[in-house]
C-alpha cells in the first residue's frame, strides 16, 4: 500500500492543511507555507468559531451584529 496522497500522485494542485474560514476576512491555512487559500485546494475546511480558544474575528462579528 502506498503512503502517497492520491492527489499528489495525480499531480493535482492541492494543500494538506486545513482552511480556516473567517466571517469577517480572508481565510487562513494551517500550513505556514500555503500561499493559495482557495477553498477548492483544501479538502479540510473549518469555521473559525470552531477553533479552541476562539478567533478574534468571531468577537468582531458579534460587535458588528450588535
PDB file of N, CA and C in Angstrom:
ATOM      1  N   UNK A   1       0.846  -1.181   0.000  1.00  0.00           N
ATOM      2  CA  UNK A   1       0.000   0.000   0.000  1.00  0.00           C
ATOM      3  C   UNK A   1       0.888   1.239   0.000  1.00  0.00           C
ATOM      4  N   UNK A   2       0.545   2.200  -0.823  1.00  0.00           N
ATOM      5  CA  UNK A   2       1.315   3.429  -0.936  1.00  0.00           C
ATOM      6  C   UNK A   2       0.923   4.414   0.163  1.00  0.00           C
ATOM      7  N   UNK A   3       1.910   5.157   0.647  1.00  0.00           N
ATOM      8  CA  UNK A   3       1.627   6.186   1.646  1.00  0.00           C
ATOM      9  C   UNK A   3       1.482   7.557   1.006  1.00  0.00           C
ATOM     10  N   UNK A   4       1.586   7.615  -0.328  1.00  0.00           N
ATOM     11  CA  UNK A   4       1.445   8.877  -1.018  1.00  0.00           C
ATOM     12  C   UNK A   4      -0.016   9.284  -1.130  1.00  0.00           C
ATOM     13  N   UNK A   5      -0.246  10.546  -1.060  1.00  0.00           N
ATOM     14  CA  UNK A   5      -1.573  11.122  -1.265  1.00  0.00           C
ATOM     15  C   UNK A   5      -1.973  10.898  -2.723  1.00  0.00           C
ATOM     16  N   UNK A   6      -3.215  10.518  -2.970  1.00  0.00           N
ATOM     17  CA  UNK A   6      -3.661  10.278  -4.345  1.00  0.00           C
ATOM     18  C   UNK A   6      -3.629  11.554  -5.182  1.00  0.00           C
ATOM     19  N   UNK A   7      -3.919  12.705  -4.569  1.00  0.00           N
ATOM     20  CA  UNK A   7      -3.843  13.967  -5.307  1.00  0.00           C
ATOM     21  C   UNK A   7      -2.397  14.297  -5.656  1.00  0.00           C
ATOM     22  N   UNK A   8      -1.461  14.015  -4.742  1.00  0.00           N
ATOM     23  CA  UNK A   8      -0.038  14.229  -5.034  1.00  0.00           C
ATOM     24  C   UNK A   8       0.392  13.331  -6.192  1.00  0.00           C
ATOM     25  N   UNK A   9      -0.007  12.072  -6.129  1.00  0.00           N
ATOM     26  CA  UNK A   9       0.352  11.117  -7.175  1.00  0.00           C
ATOM     27  C   UNK A   9      -0.205  11.521  -8.532  1.00  0.00           C
ATOM     28  N   UNK A  10      -1.404  12.131  -8.529  1.00  0.00           N
ATOM     29  CA  UNK A  10      -2.055  12.525  -9.776  1.00  0.00           C
ATOM     30  C   UNK A  10      -1.613  13.914 -10.250  1.00  0.00           C
ATOM     31  N   UNK A  11      -0.810  14.608  -9.449  1.00  0.00           N
ATOM     32  CA  UNK A  11      -0.350  15.941  -9.830  1.00  0.00           C
ATOM     33  C   UNK A  11      -1.406  17.026  -9.672  1.00  0.00           C
ATOM     34  N   UNK A  12      -2.395  16.785  -8.820  1.00  0.00           N
ATOM     35  CA  UNK A  12      -3.474  17.749  -8.587  1.00  0.00           C
ATOM     36  C   UNK A  12      -2.977  18.840  -7.639  1.00  0.00           C
ATOM     37  N   UNK A  13      -3.240  20.111  -7.997  1.00  0.00           N
ATOM     38  CA  UNK A  13      -2.863  21.235  -7.144  1.00  0.00           C
ATOM     39  C   UNK A  13      -3.764  21.236  -5.911  1.00  0.00           C
ATOM     40  N   UNK A  14      -3.172  21.006  -4.752  1.00  0.00           N
ATOM     41  CA  UNK A  14      -3.946  20.922  -3.522  1.00  0.00           C
ATOM     42  C   UNK A  14      -3.060  21.239  -2.326  1.00  0.00           C
ATOM     43  N   UNK A  15      -3.679  21.314  -1.155  1.00  0.00           N
ATOM     44  CA  UNK A  15      -2.950  21.599   0.076  1.00  0.00           C
ATOM     45  C   UNK A  15      -3.345  20.579   1.132  1.00  0.00           C
ATOM     46  N   UNK A  16      -2.395  20.187   1.953  1.00  0.00           N
ATOM     47  CA  UNK A  16      -2.653  19.215   3.015  1.00  0.00           C
ATOM     48  C   UNK A  16      -3.068  19.884   4.320  1.00  0.00           C
ATOM     49  N   UNK A  17      -3.097  21.203   4.332  1.00  0.00           N
ATOM     50  CA  UNK A  17      -3.503  21.930   5.531  1.00  0.00           C
ATOM     51  C   UNK A  17      -5.015  22.046   5.621  1.00  0.00           C
ATOM     52  N   UNK A  18      -5.462  22.648   6.714  1.00  0.00           N
ATOM     53  CA  UNK A  18      -6.882  22.907   6.925  1.00  0.00           C
ATOM     54  C   UNK A  18      -7.148  24.386   6.680  1.00  0.00           C
ATOM     55  N   UNK A  19      -8.168  24.680   5.892  1.00  0.00           N
ATOM     56  CA  UNK A  19      -8.534  26.055   5.608  1.00  0.00           C
ATOM     57  C   UNK A  19      -9.456  26.546   6.720  1.00  0.00           C
ATOM     58  N   UNK A  20      -9.048  27.629   7.372  1.00  0.00           N
ATOM     59  CA  UNK A  20      -9.847  28.236   8.434  1.00  0.00           C
ATOM     60  C   UNK A  20     -10.591  29.418   7.813  1.00  0.00           C
ATOM     61  N   UNK A  21     -11.917  29.293   7.751  1.00  0.00           N
ATOM     62  CA  UNK A  21     -12.747  30.293   7.097  1.00  0.00           C
ATOM     63  C   UNK A  21     -13.240  31.292   8.143  1.00  0.00           C
ATOM     64  N   UNK A  22     -12.949  32.571   7.886  1.00  0.00           N
ATOM     65  CA  UNK A  22     -13.341  33.646   8.800  1.00  0.00           C
ATOM     66  C   UNK A  22     -14.555  34.381   8.255  1.00  0.00           C
ATOM     67  N   UNK A  23     -15.440  34.801   9.147  1.00  0.00           N
ATOM     68  CA  UNK A  23     -16.648  35.520   8.743  1.00  0.00           C
ATOM     69  C   UNK A  23     -16.341  36.947   8.324  1.00  0.00           C
ATOM     70  N   UNK A  24     -15.275  37.521   8.868  1.00  0.00           N
ATOM     71  CA  UNK A  24     -15.025  38.947   8.641  1.00  0.00           C
ATOM     72  C   UNK A  24     -13.771  39.228   7.833  1.00  0.00           C
ATOM     73  N   UNK A  25     -13.192  38.219   7.218  1.00  0.00           N
ATOM     74  CA  UNK A  25     -11.974  38.473   6.459  1.00  0.00           C
ATOM     75  C   UNK A  25     -11.548  37.283   5.652  1.00  0.00           C
ATOM     76  N   UNK A  26     -10.342  37.357   5.102  1.00  0.00           N
ATOM     77  CA  UNK A  26      -9.859  36.254   4.270  1.00  0.00           C
ATOM     78  C   UNK A  26      -9.594  34.988   5.085  1.00  0.00           C
ATOM     79  N   UNK A  27      -9.586  33.872   4.413  1.00  0.00           N
ATOM     80  CA  UNK A  27      -9.315  32.584   5.054  1.00  0.00           C
ATOM     81  C   UNK A  27      -7.820  32.425   5.301  1.00  0.00           C
ATOM     82  N   UNK A  28      -7.489  31.549   6.262  1.00  0.00           N
ATOM     83  CA  UNK A  28      -6.105  31.200   6.582  1.00  0.00           C
ATOM     84  C   UNK A  28      -5.952  29.700   6.438  1.00  0.00           C
ATOM     85  N   UNK A  29      -4.736  29.272   6.149  1.00  0.00           N
ATOM     86  CA  UNK A  29      -4.431  27.843   6.119  1.00  0.00           C
ATOM     87  C   UNK A  29      -3.549  27.525   7.323  1.00  0.00           C
ATOM     88  N   UNK A  30      -3.691  26.313   7.834  1.00  0.00           N
ATOM     89  CA  UNK A  30      -2.889  25.901   8.984  1.00  0.00           C
ATOM     90  C   UNK A  30      -1.436  25.626   8.616  1.00  0.00           C
ATOM     91  N   UNK A  31      -1.141  25.518   7.325  1.00  0.00           N
ATOM     92  CA  UNK A  31       0.247  25.331   6.901  1.00  0.00           C
ATOM     93  C   UNK A  31       0.861  26.691   6.573  1.00  0.00           C
ATOM     94  N   UNK A  32       1.937  27.057   7.231  1.00  0.00           N
ATOM     95  CA  UNK A  32       2.511  28.392   7.039  1.00  0.00           C
ATOM     96  C   UNK A  32       3.012  28.666   5.619  1.00  0.00           C
ATOM     97  N   UNK A  33       3.364  27.645   4.861  1.00  0.00           N
ATOM     98  CA  UNK A  33       3.878  27.867   3.510  1.00  0.00           C
ATOM     99  C   UNK A  33       2.791  27.833   2.431  1.00  0.00           C
ATOM    100  N   UNK A  34       1.529  27.755   2.816  1.00  0.00           N
ATOM    101  CA  UNK A  34       0.421  27.743   1.864  1.00  0.00           C
ATOM    102  C   UNK A  34       0.133  29.181   1.436  1.00  0.00           C
ATOM    103  N   UNK A  35       0.312  29.454   0.154  1.00  0.00           N
ATOM    104  CA  UNK A  35       0.117  30.810  -0.358  1.00  0.00           C
ATOM    105  C   UNK A  35      -1.230  30.988  -1.051  1.00  0.00           C
ATOM    106  N   UNK A  36      -1.904  29.903  -1.401  1.00  0.00           N
ATOM    107  CA  UNK A  36      -3.167  29.977  -2.126  1.00  0.00           C
ATOM    108  C   UNK A  36      -4.283  29.406  -1.256  1.00  0.00           C
ATOM    109  N   UNK A  37      -5.099  30.277  -0.698  1.00  0.00           N
ATOM    110  CA  UNK A  37      -6.151  29.835   0.221  1.00  0.00           C
ATOM    111  C   UNK A  37      -7.492  29.637  -0.487  1.00  0.00           C
ATOM    112  N   UNK A  38      -7.440  29.251  -1.747  1.00  0.00           N
ATOM    113  CA  UNK A  38      -8.651  28.917  -2.488  1.00  0.00           C
ATOM    114  C   UNK A  38      -9.299  27.694  -1.839  1.00  0.00           C
ATOM    115  N   UNK A  39     -10.584  27.770  -1.609  1.00  0.00           N
ATOM    116  CA  UNK A  39     -11.318  26.687  -0.956  1.00  0.00           C
ATOM    117  C   UNK A  39     -11.195  25.368  -1.714  1.00  0.00           C
ATOM    118  N   UNK A  40     -11.143  25.424  -3.034  1.00  0.00           N
ATOM    119  CA  UNK A  40     -11.071  24.212  -3.847  1.00  0.00           C
ATOM    120  C   UNK A  40      -9.763  23.441  -3.627  1.00  0.00           C
ATOM    121  N   UNK A  41      -8.715  24.097  -3.173  1.00  0.00           N
ATOM    122  CA  UNK A  41      -7.422  23.437  -2.939  1.00  0.00           C
ATOM    123  C   UNK A  41      -7.370  22.719  -1.599  1.00  0.00           C
ATOM    124  N   UNK A  42      -8.349  22.935  -0.744  1.00  0.00           N
ATOM    125  CA  UNK A  42      -8.322  22.395   0.617  1.00  0.00           C
ATOM    126  C   UNK A  42      -9.484  21.432   0.836  1.00  0.00           C
ATOM    127  N   UNK A  43      -9.142  20.185   1.088  1.00  0.00           N
ATOM    128  CA  UNK A  43     -10.181  19.196   1.361  1.00  0.00           C
ATOM    129  C   UNK A  43     -10.793  19.428   2.734  1.00  0.00           C
ATOM    130  N   UNK A  44      -9.980  19.923   3.666  1.00  0.00           N
ATOM    131  CA  UNK A  44     -10.453  20.174   5.024  1.00  0.00           C
ATOM    132  C   UNK A  44     -10.674  21.663   5.230  1.00  0.00           C
ATOM    133  N   UNK A  45     -11.914  22.016   5.649  1.00  0.00           N
ATOM    134  CA  UNK A  45     -12.273  23.403   5.911  1.00  0.00           C
ATOM    135  C   UNK A  45     -13.056  23.464   7.212  1.00  0.00           C
ATOM    136  N   UNK A  46     -12.741  24.475   8.038  1.00  0.00           N
ATOM    137  CA  UNK A  46     -13.489  24.665   9.273  1.00  0.00           C
ATOM    138  C   UNK A  46     -13.852  26.141   9.420  1.00  0.00           C
ATOM    139  N   UNK A  47     -14.884  26.392  10.168  1.00  0.00           N
ATOM    140  CA  UNK A  47     -15.274  27.743  10.513  1.00  0.00           C
ATOM    141  C   UNK A  47     -14.410  28.193  11.693  1.00  0.00           C
ATOM    142  N   UNK A  48     -13.956  29.428  11.679  1.00  0.00           N
ATOM    143  CA  UNK A  48     -13.048  29.909  12.719  1.00  0.00           C
ATOM    144  C   UNK A  48     -13.674  29.846  14.111  1.00  0.00           C
ATOM    145  N   UNK A  49     -14.982  29.868  14.191  1.00  0.00           N
ATOM    146  CA  UNK A  49     -15.642  29.801  15.500  1.00  0.00           C
ATOM    147  C   UNK A  49     -15.478  28.443  16.162  1.00  0.00           C
ATOM    148  N   UNK A  50     -15.061  27.428  15.414  1.00  0.00           N
ATOM    149  CA  UNK A  50     -14.883  26.102  15.995  1.00  0.00           C
ATOM    150  C   UNK A  50     -13.471  25.884  16.540  1.00  0.00           C
ATOM    151  N   UNK A  51     -12.617  26.900  16.441  1.00  0.00           N
ATOM    152  CA  UNK A  51     -11.251  26.790  16.952  1.00  0.00           C
ATOM    153  C   UNK A  51     -11.259  26.911  18.471  1.00  0.00           C
ATOM    154  N   UNK A  52     -10.592  25.994  19.134  1.00  0.00           N
ATOM    155  CA  UNK A  52     -10.492  26.038  20.595  1.00  0.00           C
ATOM    156  C   UNK A  52      -9.770  27.330  20.985  1.00  0.00           C
ATOM    157  N   UNK A  53     -10.355  28.075  21.869  1.00  0.00           N
ATOM    158  CA  UNK A  53      -9.780  29.351  22.284  1.00  0.00           C
ATOM    159  C   UNK A  53     -10.359  30.524  21.518  1.00  0.00           C
ATOM    160  N   UNK A  54     -11.142  30.214  20.487  1.00  0.00           N
ATOM    161  CA  UNK A  54     -11.815  31.260  19.733  1.00  0.00           C
ATOM    162  C   UNK A  54     -10.946  31.922  18.686  1.00  0.00           C
ATOM    163  N   UNK A  55     -11.535  32.893  18.049  1.00  0.00           N
ATOM    164  CA  UNK A  55     -10.880  33.650  16.989  1.00  0.00           C
ATOM    165  C   UNK A  55     -11.257  35.111  17.162  1.00  0.00           C
ATOM    166  N   UNK A  56     -10.318  35.999  16.891  1.00  0.00           N
ATOM    167  CA  UNK A  56     -10.578  37.432  17.039  1.00  0.00           C
ATOM    168  C   UNK A  56     -11.720  37.897  16.149  1.00  0.00           C
ATOM    169  N   UNK A  57     -11.868  37.297  14.977  1.00  0.00           N
ATOM    170  CA  UNK A  57     -12.916  37.778  14.074  1.00  0.00           C
ATOM    171  C   UNK A  57     -14.303  37.384  14.575  1.00  0.00           C
ATOM    172  N   UNK A  58     -14.427  36.334  15.379  1.00  0.00           N
ATOM    173  CA  UNK A  58     -15.726  35.965  15.938  1.00  0.00           C
ATOM    174  C   UNK A  58     -16.207  37.067  16.877  1.00  0.00           C
ATOM    175  N   UNK A  59     -15.282  37.658  17.647  1.00  0.00           N
ATOM    176  CA  UNK A  59     -15.634  38.785  18.513  1.00  0.00           C
ATOM    177  C   UNK A  59     -16.023  39.993  17.670  1.00  0.00           C
ATOM    178  N   UNK A  60     -15.299  40.248  16.604  1.00  0.00           N
ATOM    179  CA  UNK A  60     -15.602  41.370  15.713  1.00  0.00           C
ATOM    180  C   UNK A  60     -16.972  41.182  15.073  1.00  0.00           C
ATOM    181  N   UNK A  61     -17.294  39.957  14.710  1.00  0.00           N
ATOM    182  CA  UNK A  61     -18.592  39.665  14.098  1.00  0.00           C
ATOM    183  C   UNK A  61     -19.720  39.974  15.079  1.00  0.00           C
ATOM    184  N   UNK A  62     -19.522  39.651  16.360  1.00  0.00           N
ATOM    185  CA  UNK A  62     -20.526  39.936  17.377  1.00  0.00           C
ATOM    186  C   UNK A  62     -20.713  41.438  17.552  1.00  0.00           C
ATOM    187  N   UNK A  63     -19.619  42.205  17.500  1.00  0.00           N
ATOM    188  CA  UNK A  63     -19.707  43.654  17.632  1.00  0.00           C
ATOM    189  C   UNK A  63     -20.440  44.271  16.450  1.00  0.00           C
ATOM    190  N   UNK A  64     -20.191  43.746  15.253  1.00  0.00           N
ATOM    191  CA  UNK A  64     -20.860  44.255  14.048  1.00  0.00           C
ATOM    192  C   UNK A  64     -22.358  43.984  14.117  1.00  0.00           C
ATOM    193  N   UNK A  65     -22.729  42.817  14.637  1.00  0.00           N
ATOM    194  CA  UNK A  65     -24.137  42.430  14.702  1.00  0.00           C
ATOM    195  C   UNK A  65     -24.885  43.229  15.777  1.00  0.00           C
ATOM    196  N   UNK A  66     -24.183  43.737  16.761  1.00  0.00           N
ATOM    197  CA  UNK A  66     -24.832  44.451  17.885  1.00  0.00           C
ATOM    198  C   UNK A  66     -25.348  45.807  17.490  1.00  0.00           C
TER     199      UNK A  66
END
